[in-house]
Protein backbone atom coordinates (compact mmCIF):
# COMPACT_ATOMS: atom_id res chain seq x y z
CA MET A 1 -0.15 0.02 0.10
CA THR A 2 1.18 3.57 -0.60
CA GLY A 3 0.37 6.66 1.27
CA LEU A 4 -0.03 7.30 5.02
CA ARG A 5 -3.48 6.32 5.60
CA THR A 6 -5.34 6.30 8.96
CA ALA A 7 -7.18 3.17 10.18
CA LEU A 8 -9.71 3.08 13.01
CA ILE A 9 -9.38 -0.20 14.97
CA VAL A 10 -12.53 -1.04 17.10
CA ASP A 11 -12.26 -4.15 19.31
CA ASP A 12 -12.76 -4.79 23.01
CA ASP A 13 -9.84 -7.43 23.13
CA ASP A 14 -6.86 -5.58 23.83
CA ALA A 15 -4.50 -8.11 22.45
CA MET A 16 -6.55 -8.18 19.15
CA ARG A 17 -6.32 -4.57 18.94
CA GLU A 18 -2.47 -4.38 19.57
CA MET A 19 -1.91 -6.99 16.91
CA VAL A 20 -3.90 -5.50 14.42
CA ALA A 21 -2.39 -1.97 14.97
CA SER A 22 1.11 -3.50 14.87
CA LEU A 23 0.26 -5.23 11.51
CA LEU A 24 -1.15 -1.91 9.80
CA SER A 25 1.77 0.16 11.18
CA GLU A 26 4.23 -2.01 9.34
CA GLU A 27 2.19 -1.45 6.18
CA GLY A 28 2.36 2.32 6.41
CA PHE A 29 -0.81 3.14 8.25
CA ARG A 30 -1.42 5.53 11.03
CA THR A 31 -3.66 3.71 13.45
CA VAL A 32 -6.15 4.76 15.92
CA ASP A 33 -7.88 2.28 18.35
CA VAL A 34 -10.84 2.32 20.77
CA ASP A 35 -12.24 -0.45 22.66
CA ASN A 36 -16.05 0.01 22.05
CA ALA A 37 -18.47 1.20 19.29
CA GLU A 38 -19.36 4.20 21.34
CA LYS A 39 -15.89 6.00 21.40
CA ALA A 40 -15.40 5.06 17.67
CA LEU A 41 -18.59 7.14 17.00
CA GLU A 42 -17.46 9.86 19.25
CA LEU A 43 -14.05 10.14 17.53
CA LEU A 44 -15.57 9.88 13.95
CA ARG A 45 -18.04 12.91 14.97
CA GLU A 46 -14.95 14.78 15.45
CA ARG A 47 -12.60 13.81 12.46
CA ASP A 48 -12.71 11.34 9.58
CA VAL A 49 -10.23 8.24 8.99
CA ASP A 50 -9.51 6.65 5.83
CA VAL A 51 -11.13 3.13 6.94
CA VAL A 52 -12.43 1.40 10.00
CA LEU A 53 -11.69 -1.99 10.92
CA SER A 54 -14.43 -3.16 13.73
CA ASP A 55 -15.30 -6.27 15.34
CA ILE A 56 -18.76 -7.36 15.15
CA GLN A 57 -19.32 -8.60 18.95
CA MET A 58 -18.68 -6.10 21.42
CA PRO A 59 -20.35 -5.14 24.81
CA GLY A 60 -22.98 -2.31 24.43
CA LEU A 61 -23.03 -1.41 20.58
CA SER A 62 -22.42 -4.23 18.14
CA GLY A 63 -20.39 -3.38 15.14
CA ILE A 64 -23.22 -3.92 12.98
CA GLU A 65 -25.19 -1.32 15.09
CA MET A 66 -22.27 1.05 15.11
CA LEU A 67 -22.22 0.79 11.33
CA GLY A 68 -25.99 1.85 11.14
CA GLU A 69 -25.12 5.17 12.91
CA LEU A 70 -21.79 5.56 11.25
CA ARG A 71 -23.63 5.83 7.96
CA GLN A 72 -25.26 9.02 9.34
CA ILE A 73 -22.01 10.68 10.03
CA ARG A 74 -19.57 9.57 7.64
CA ALA A 75 -21.34 7.76 4.82
CA SER A 76 -18.08 7.64 2.70
CA THR A 77 -15.87 5.89 5.21
CA PRO A 78 -15.72 2.11 4.41
CA VAL A 79 -16.08 -0.20 7.18
CA VAL A 80 -14.71 -3.55 7.34
CA LEU A 81 -16.11 -6.14 10.14
CA MET A 82 -14.51 -8.86 11.73
CA THR A 83 -15.77 -11.71 13.91
CA ALA A 84 -14.80 -14.96 15.55
CA PHE A 85 -18.36 -16.21 15.10
CA GLY A 86 -18.34 -16.51 11.35
CA SER A 87 -21.83 -17.45 10.54
CA ILE A 88 -23.29 -16.65 7.14
CA ASP A 89 -26.06 -14.83 8.93
CA SER A 90 -23.63 -12.34 10.42
CA ALA A 91 -22.01 -11.76 7.18
CA ILE A 92 -25.42 -11.06 5.36
CA ASP A 93 -26.34 -8.67 8.28
CA ALA A 94 -23.06 -6.90 8.00
CA MET A 95 -23.32 -6.31 4.01
CA ARG A 96 -26.84 -5.35 4.33
CA ALA A 97 -26.00 -2.77 6.93
CA GLY A 98 -23.47 -1.18 4.59
CA ALA A 99 -20.12 -3.10 5.41
CA PHE A 100 -17.66 -2.88 2.79
CA ASP A 101 -16.50 -6.56 3.45
CA TYR A 102 -16.36 -9.16 6.14
CA ILE A 103 -13.50 -11.11 7.48
CA ARG A 104 -13.31 -13.89 9.89
CA LYS A 105 -10.99 -14.30 12.93
CA PRO A 106 -8.33 -15.75 12.85
CA PHE A 107 -7.55 -13.99 9.60
CA ARG A 108 -4.17 -14.13 7.86
CA ARG A 109 -1.97 -11.14 7.46
CA ASP A 110 -2.43 -10.91 3.72
CA GLU A 111 -6.11 -11.54 3.75
CA VAL A 112 -7.00 -8.26 5.79
CA LEU A 113 -4.35 -6.26 3.81
CA VAL A 114 -6.02 -7.06 0.58
CA VAL A 115 -9.58 -6.32 2.04
CA LEU A 116 -8.27 -3.06 3.19
CA GLU A 117 -6.49 -2.07 0.00
CA ARG A 118 -9.77 -2.90 -1.95
CA ALA A 119 -11.71 -0.81 0.59
CA LEU A 120 -9.46 2.25 0.07
CA ALA A 121 -9.28 2.16 -3.76
CA GLN A 122 -13.25 2.18 -3.55
CA ARG A 123 -13.34 5.11 -1.24
CA GLU A 124 -10.67 6.85 -3.65
CA LEU A 125 -12.84 6.32 -6.68
CA GLU A 126 -16.05 7.46 -4.93
CA ASP A 127 -14.00 10.52 -3.62
CA GLU A 128 -12.94 11.25 -6.93
CA ASN A 129 -16.31 10.91 -8.55
CA ARG A 130 -17.64 13.44 -5.93
CA ARG A 131 -15.03 15.86 -6.59
CA LEU A 132 -15.82 15.64 -10.49
CA ARG A 133 -19.46 15.88 -9.70
CA ARG A 134 -18.98 19.18 -7.65
CA ALA A 135 -16.51 20.35 -10.46
CA VAL A 136 -19.35 20.02 -13.09
CA ASP A 137 -21.85 21.55 -10.95
CA GLU A 138 -19.63 24.53 -10.22
CA THR A 139 -17.79 25.32 -13.60
CA GLY A 140 -20.26 23.53 -16.06
CA SER A 141 -17.17 21.20 -17.17
CA PHE A 142 -15.60 17.81 -16.73
CA GLY A 143 -11.82 17.85 -17.87
CA GLN A 144 -11.92 19.67 -21.07
CA LEU A 145 -15.52 18.95 -21.86
CA ILE A 146 -17.86 21.76 -21.32
CA GLY A 147 -21.83 21.42 -20.66
CA THR A 148 -24.36 20.55 -17.98
CA SER A 149 -27.15 19.38 -20.30
CA PRO A 150 -28.56 15.82 -19.24
CA ALA A 151 -26.72 14.47 -22.38
CA MET A 152 -23.47 15.68 -21.24
CA ARG A 153 -23.86 14.47 -17.68
CA ASP A 154 -24.48 11.24 -19.05
CA ILE A 155 -21.44 11.19 -20.89
CA TYR A 156 -19.37 12.35 -17.87
CA ALA A 157 -21.07 9.52 -15.69
CA LEU A 158 -19.97 6.94 -18.48
CA ILE A 159 -16.40 8.26 -18.74
CA ARG A 160 -16.12 7.85 -14.83
CA LYS A 161 -17.34 4.16 -15.44
CA ILE A 162 -14.87 3.10 -18.09
CA ALA A 163 -11.91 5.44 -17.67
CA ASN A 164 -9.98 2.45 -16.16
CA ASN A 165 -10.71 -0.27 -18.05
CA ARG A 166 -9.08 -0.96 -21.49
CA SER A 167 -12.48 -1.85 -23.43
CA SER A 168 -12.28 -0.17 -26.94
CA VAL A 169 -14.63 2.86 -27.22
CA LEU A 170 -16.34 4.35 -30.51
CA ILE A 171 -17.38 7.72 -30.29
CA THR A 172 -19.91 8.90 -33.14
CA GLY A 173 -21.04 12.49 -33.53
CA ASP A 174 -21.25 15.30 -36.09
CA SER A 175 -18.19 17.41 -36.95
CA GLY A 176 -17.03 19.81 -34.25
CA THR A 177 -18.96 18.09 -31.36
CA GLY A 178 -15.65 17.27 -29.57
CA LYS A 179 -15.24 13.96 -30.36
CA GLU A 180 -11.30 14.14 -29.65
CA LEU A 181 -11.83 15.87 -26.34
CA VAL A 182 -14.15 12.97 -25.21
CA ALA A 183 -11.39 10.47 -26.16
CA ARG A 184 -8.64 12.89 -24.23
CA THR A 185 -11.04 12.95 -21.20
CA ILE A 186 -11.31 9.23 -20.94
CA HIS A 187 -7.63 8.73 -21.23
CA PHE A 188 -6.66 11.52 -18.63
CA SER A 189 -9.44 10.35 -16.22
CA GLY A 190 -8.01 6.81 -16.17
CA ASN A 191 -5.15 4.87 -14.96
CA ARG A 192 -3.19 5.09 -18.24
CA SER A 193 -2.96 9.08 -17.99
CA GLU A 194 0.80 8.81 -17.26
CA LYS A 195 1.26 7.11 -20.37
CA ALA A 196 0.72 8.48 -23.98
CA PHE A 197 -2.29 9.64 -25.77
CA ILE A 198 -1.68 9.45 -29.31
CA PRO A 199 -4.13 10.73 -31.87
CA ILE A 200 -4.13 10.12 -35.61
CA ASN A 201 -6.43 11.16 -38.46
CA CYS A 202 -7.46 8.26 -40.61
CA THR A 203 -8.32 10.70 -43.70
CA ALA A 204 -5.07 12.58 -43.51
CA LEU A 205 -2.53 9.76 -44.79
CA PRO A 206 -2.82 7.41 -48.08
CA GLU A 207 -3.45 3.95 -46.87
CA GLY A 208 -0.07 2.70 -47.38
CA LEU A 209 1.69 5.41 -45.23
CA LEU A 210 -1.24 4.95 -42.80
CA GLU A 211 -0.18 1.37 -42.26
CA SER A 212 3.40 2.38 -41.65
CA GLU A 213 2.43 4.87 -39.28
CA LEU A 214 0.22 2.51 -37.26
CA PHE A 215 2.33 -0.49 -37.18
CA GLY A 216 5.67 0.79 -38.04
CA HIS A 217 8.14 -0.69 -40.72
CA VAL A 218 11.67 -2.45 -41.07
CA ARG A 219 14.50 -1.11 -42.86
CA GLY A 220 14.07 -1.90 -46.82
CA ALA A 221 10.26 -2.65 -46.28
CA PHE A 222 9.66 -0.09 -49.25
CA THR A 223 11.24 2.54 -51.26
CA GLY A 224 12.58 5.25 -48.89
CA ALA A 225 12.57 3.10 -45.74
CA ASN A 226 16.02 3.84 -44.97
CA ALA A 227 15.74 2.93 -41.39
CA SER A 228 13.27 0.83 -39.32
CA LYS A 229 10.62 2.94 -37.73
CA ARG A 230 8.25 2.22 -34.54
CA GLY A 231 4.51 2.65 -35.44
CA LEU A 232 1.92 4.43 -33.24
CA PHE A 233 0.73 1.22 -31.52
CA GLU A 234 4.42 0.93 -30.00
CA GLU A 235 4.47 4.64 -29.30
CA ALA A 236 1.37 4.44 -27.31
CA ALA A 237 2.24 1.55 -25.32
CA GLY A 238 0.43 1.38 -21.90
CA GLY A 239 -1.57 4.30 -23.26
CA THR A 240 -4.26 5.17 -25.77
CA LEU A 241 -4.45 5.30 -29.52
CA PHE A 242 -7.12 7.49 -30.91
CA LEU A 243 -8.17 6.61 -34.38
CA ASP A 244 -10.05 9.58 -35.68
CA GLU A 245 -12.33 9.23 -38.78
CA ILE A 246 -12.10 5.46 -38.54
CA GLY A 247 -14.96 5.26 -41.08
CA ASP A 248 -12.57 6.49 -43.94
CA MET A 249 -9.95 3.50 -43.27
CA GLY A 250 -9.75 1.20 -46.41
CA LEU A 251 -10.94 -2.27 -46.06
CA ALA A 252 -7.54 -3.91 -46.30
CA LEU A 253 -6.30 -1.84 -43.51
CA GLN A 254 -9.18 -2.67 -41.49
CA SER A 255 -8.50 -6.21 -41.83
CA LYS A 256 -4.99 -5.59 -40.13
CA LEU A 257 -6.46 -3.44 -37.37
CA LEU A 258 -8.89 -6.00 -36.73
CA ARG A 259 -6.19 -8.67 -36.18
CA ALA A 260 -4.42 -6.35 -34.00
CA LEU A 261 -7.19 -5.90 -31.80
CA GLN A 262 -7.94 -9.54 -31.54
CA ASP A 263 -4.49 -10.60 -31.01
CA GLY A 264 -3.07 -7.86 -29.01
CA GLU A 265 -0.02 -7.81 -31.30
CA ILE A 266 1.11 -6.05 -34.40
CA ARG A 267 3.57 -6.70 -37.44
CA PRO A 268 5.39 -4.15 -38.79
CA VAL A 269 5.36 -3.44 -42.64
CA GLY A 270 7.98 -5.67 -44.26
CA GLY A 271 8.61 -7.64 -40.89
CA ASN A 272 8.68 -11.20 -40.12
CA ARG A 273 7.89 -11.26 -36.34
CA SER A 274 4.89 -9.95 -34.24
CA ILE A 275 5.07 -7.51 -31.34
CA LYS A 276 2.79 -7.70 -28.32
CA VAL A 277 1.01 -4.22 -27.70
CA ASP A 278 -0.88 -2.92 -24.61
CA VAL A 279 -2.87 -0.07 -26.01
CA ARG A 280 -6.36 0.85 -25.36
CA ILE A 281 -8.16 2.05 -28.76
CA ILE A 282 -10.35 4.99 -29.05
CA ALA A 283 -11.85 5.40 -32.37
CA ALA A 284 -14.25 8.09 -33.58
CA THR A 285 -16.26 8.80 -36.78
CA ASN A 286 -19.14 11.16 -38.01
CA GLN A 287 -20.18 8.60 -40.53
CA ASP A 288 -23.04 5.87 -40.25
CA LEU A 289 -20.92 2.98 -39.83
CA GLU A 290 -23.90 0.74 -39.90
CA LYS A 291 -24.92 1.91 -43.38
CA GLY A 292 -21.22 1.69 -44.29
CA MET A 293 -21.34 -2.10 -43.10
CA GLU A 294 -24.58 -2.73 -45.21
CA GLU A 295 -22.65 -0.87 -48.42
CA GLY A 296 -19.57 -3.03 -47.69
CA GLY A 297 -17.43 -0.19 -46.82
CA PHE A 298 -16.93 -1.09 -43.23
CA ARG A 299 -16.11 -4.43 -41.71
CA ARG A 300 -18.86 -5.70 -39.55
CA ASP A 301 -16.50 -7.76 -37.23
CA LEU A 302 -14.32 -4.54 -36.84
CA PHE A 303 -17.35 -2.42 -36.02
CA TYR A 304 -18.06 -5.09 -33.18
CA ARG A 305 -14.63 -4.96 -31.79
CA LEU A 306 -14.47 -1.14 -31.63
CA ASN A 307 -18.09 -0.63 -30.56
CA VAL A 308 -17.57 -2.32 -27.10
CA ILE A 309 -18.62 1.01 -25.21
CA PRO A 310 -20.44 3.41 -27.52
CA ILE A 311 -20.34 7.04 -26.93
CA CYS A 312 -22.66 9.11 -28.99
CA ILE A 313 -22.34 12.95 -28.88
CA PRO A 314 -25.49 14.77 -29.69
CA PRO A 315 -25.28 17.73 -31.62
CA LEU A 316 -25.36 21.29 -30.12
CA ARG A 317 -28.64 22.14 -31.46
CA GLU A 318 -30.20 19.40 -29.31
CA ARG A 319 -28.56 20.64 -26.02
CA PRO A 320 -28.85 24.47 -26.29
CA GLU A 321 -28.40 24.46 -22.48
CA ASP A 322 -24.82 24.07 -22.93
CA ILE A 323 -24.41 27.23 -25.21
CA PRO A 324 -23.81 29.51 -22.16
CA ALA A 325 -21.09 27.48 -20.75
CA LEU A 326 -19.47 27.16 -24.02
CA VAL A 327 -19.62 30.89 -24.70
CA THR A 328 -18.02 31.62 -21.27
CA ALA A 329 -15.18 28.93 -21.95
CA PHE A 330 -14.56 30.51 -25.29
CA LEU A 331 -14.51 33.93 -23.91
CA LYS A 332 -11.85 33.19 -21.36
CA LYS A 333 -9.86 31.18 -24.04
CA HIS A 334 -9.44 33.91 -26.41
CA SER A 335 -9.77 36.90 -24.21
CA PRO A 336 -7.47 35.75 -21.36
CA ASP A 337 -6.22 39.03 -20.15
CA ARG A 338 -9.64 40.93 -20.55
CA ALA A 339 -12.92 40.05 -18.91
CA ARG A 340 -15.37 40.06 -21.68
CA THR A 341 -19.15 39.41 -21.28
CA VAL A 342 -22.34 38.74 -23.69
CA SER A 343 -25.44 40.66 -23.24
CA ALA A 344 -28.88 38.92 -22.57
CA ALA A 345 -29.94 39.84 -26.21
CA ALA A 346 -26.83 38.39 -27.74
CA MET A 347 -27.04 35.36 -25.65
CA ARG A 348 -30.58 34.85 -26.90
CA GLN A 349 -29.47 35.16 -30.30
CA LEU A 350 -26.57 32.46 -29.79
CA ASN A 351 -28.93 30.29 -28.04
CA SER A 352 -31.47 30.42 -30.96
CA CYS A 353 -28.72 29.54 -33.61
CA PRO A 354 -28.81 26.05 -35.20
CA TRP A 355 -24.84 25.63 -35.08
CA GLU A 356 -24.51 23.16 -38.04
CA GLY A 357 -20.82 23.40 -37.14
CA ASN A 358 -21.62 22.71 -33.40
CA ALA A 359 -19.21 23.69 -30.82
CA ARG A 360 -16.33 24.49 -33.33
CA GLU A 361 -18.53 27.06 -35.21
CA LEU A 362 -19.66 28.68 -31.92
CA GLU A 363 -15.96 28.93 -31.05
CA ASN A 364 -15.27 30.61 -34.48
CA VAL A 365 -18.04 33.12 -34.06
CA ILE A 366 -16.75 34.03 -30.51
CA GLU A 367 -13.34 34.33 -31.65
CA ARG A 368 -14.40 36.46 -34.57
CA VAL A 369 -16.40 38.69 -32.36
CA LEU A 370 -13.68 39.33 -29.88
CA ALA A 371 -11.20 40.51 -32.59
CA LEU A 372 -13.75 42.94 -34.09
CA SER A 373 -15.46 44.30 -30.95
CA ASP A 374 -13.98 46.68 -28.50
CA GLY A 375 -16.59 46.81 -25.73
CA ALA A 376 -16.43 45.04 -22.46
CA GLU A 377 -19.68 43.45 -23.32
CA ILE A 378 -20.50 41.75 -26.54
CA ALA A 379 -24.01 43.35 -27.83
CA LEU A 380 -26.55 41.83 -30.38
CA GLU A 381 -25.23 43.93 -32.92
CA ASP A 382 -21.67 42.74 -32.69
CA LEU A 383 -22.60 39.32 -33.65
CA PRO A 384 -22.30 38.32 -37.31
CA ARG A 385 -25.20 37.18 -39.41
CA ILE A 386 -25.49 33.46 -38.61
CA GLN A 387 -27.02 31.26 -41.32
CA GLU A 388 -30.32 30.07 -39.93
CA GLU A 389 -30.68 27.33 -42.54
CA SER A 390 -28.67 24.33 -43.23
CA PRO A 391 -26.16 24.32 -45.79
CA SER A 392 -28.11 21.70 -48.02
CA GLN A 393 -30.91 24.37 -47.96
CA ALA A 394 -28.88 27.34 -49.26
CA ALA A 395 -29.03 26.01 -53.11
CA THR A 396 -32.63 25.46 -53.57
CA ALA A 397 -33.94 23.15 -56.61
CA GLY A 398 -35.20 26.50 -58.24
CA ASP A 399 -31.84 27.98 -58.04
CA LEU A 400 -30.06 24.92 -59.71
CA VAL A 401 -32.80 24.53 -62.29
CA GLY A 402 -32.78 28.11 -63.21
CA LEU A 403 -28.98 28.30 -63.41
CA ALA A 404 -29.12 25.14 -65.85
CA GLU A 405 -31.46 26.44 -67.98
CA ARG A 406 -29.73 29.85 -68.61
CA ARG A 407 -26.47 28.46 -68.93
CA GLN A 408 -27.41 25.18 -70.74
CA LEU A 409 -25.23 23.32 -68.19
CA SER A 410 -24.75 19.76 -68.28
CA LEU A 411 -25.26 17.37 -65.73
CA ARG A 412 -21.67 17.09 -64.56
CA GLU A 413 -21.26 20.82 -64.65
CA LEU A 414 -24.29 21.30 -62.43
CA GLU A 415 -23.02 18.78 -60.01
CA SER A 416 -19.67 20.45 -60.10
CA LEU A 417 -21.42 23.84 -59.14
CA TYR A 418 -23.59 22.51 -56.49
CA ILE A 419 -20.74 20.80 -54.84
CA ASP A 420 -18.84 24.12 -54.76
CA ARG A 421 -21.93 25.85 -53.31
CA VAL A 422 -22.24 23.25 -50.33
CA LEU A 423 -18.23 23.93 -49.85
CA GLU A 424 -18.90 27.56 -49.72
CA GLN A 425 -21.93 27.22 -47.32
CA THR A 426 -19.84 24.92 -44.94
CA ARG A 427 -16.94 27.45 -44.97
CA GLY A 428 -14.57 24.73 -46.75
CA ASN A 429 -15.30 22.14 -44.19
CA LYS A 430 -15.23 18.89 -46.60
CA VAL A 431 -16.32 16.55 -43.66
CA GLN A 432 -19.54 18.47 -43.17
CA ALA A 433 -19.97 18.91 -46.97
CA ALA A 434 -19.19 15.10 -47.65
CA LYS A 435 -21.92 14.50 -45.14
CA ILE A 436 -24.35 16.71 -46.84
CA LEU A 437 -23.74 15.50 -50.23
CA GLY A 438 -23.92 12.03 -49.21
CA ILE A 439 -20.53 10.99 -50.61
CA ASN A 440 -17.22 9.70 -49.06
CA ARG A 441 -14.88 12.57 -48.10
CA ARG A 442 -12.07 11.02 -50.10
CA THR A 443 -14.36 11.32 -53.37
CA LEU A 444 -14.87 14.89 -52.34
CA TYR A 445 -10.88 15.53 -52.18
CA ARG A 446 -10.31 13.69 -55.57
CA ARG A 447 -12.78 16.17 -57.30
CA GLY A 448 -10.47 18.93 -56.38
CA GLN A 449 -13.16 21.61 -56.93
CA LYS A 450 -11.86 25.07 -57.91
CA GLN A 451 -13.05 28.21 -55.96
CA SER A 452 -13.87 30.01 -59.29
CA CYS A 453 -16.80 27.84 -59.91
CA ALA A 454 -18.37 28.67 -56.56
CA GLU A 455 -17.78 32.39 -57.21
CA SER A 456 -19.62 32.02 -60.45
CA PHE A 457 -22.36 30.15 -59.10
CA GLY A 458 -22.80 32.78 -56.12
CA ASP A 459 -22.81 35.65 -58.66
CA GLU A 460 -25.20 34.19 -61.07
CA ALA A 461 -27.61 32.75 -58.36
CA THR A 462 -27.82 36.11 -56.48
CA GLY A 463 -28.13 38.32 -59.56
CA SER A 464 -25.18 40.29 -58.29
């Protein structure tokens, strides 16, 4: 056991108290001992201890009766009851009364130490949960996550439950909802926080290069591989590997990732031996992976391997009560040296916006307003005009048909112009544009649309 913890020993047998106190002192405990339950309760009314180790059968109040009163004084203090009368009835009564555990005399040294260690670990977890809940109530945030809506509180509670295990997590949600922030909060809230958190965007690299980044390669594996290189699985050993935009990973690499998850080992590109890895995988996507499975673009077996713990982040428009807390956080972030506030009218306007780009779009607006306004309070007139219709509604069927008729455009030309208009409306956000268009983002990248088309479409459609 680590750290100096205080244990209260309650037993009417002087020899037993002395023996237990000696044992715990040798293990780094500070000990306090009393010979009856009444004295124990009096002491606990004045101060707290980390754990109580009490006999059940004592003159006056029994250990179980003491436990009932202790719950009213120190509800979070774990109590381990011990007895020489090891009947099952006593054990059941003790657990029903709220005892953490129950041991029988005579007990072995390692037995009592293991039970106390578990009790202390449980208390630390409960204390941490209470601190986190208070922090959420006071600041509207949990780690780097911000919001007090029921949906966000549910996510916070789930993170607390899963932070210390190594099960794979799949985070889904629209672009800009904070999927990487959720992944980071899971990592840094758990027992892997001292190890590396390594993110990689599965869209950012060609598949061949992505494989080398993930699994590493040996010297000479391909042209340019002049030296062996460790992959991100090895770099993240003992920590977390965050696979962002997992839905864009090609099928061949999906197969290799599945094998790594199943076997707990990887094989570098060009290598002939496998390497054991201890890595927690958190993946994220804004795509509908179930639809991808139906269409053959995503492996069903990999989905089930990743989706052990699913977390869905709702879009900001479905949790408007989080907007004030987000606005406050963004004001502090982008104006750290000067206190800035938002007027009631401006806040009502911010609350009423659809925020198709979610928290990322809201942050961009706040940053822009802070750069362009001088007052201590942001007024309604300081806010830019925020599009109240979705980007997919911005170019109506009438606009497109009218333009096609005037210019006698081909279907391919019309498609190209529509894509450019959606890109214009999403401010160049290809992830969001691909979702609106219903196409794969890589397809959108390959099209390589030119800005001049979008400008031409805008001039013609608006009659300017």
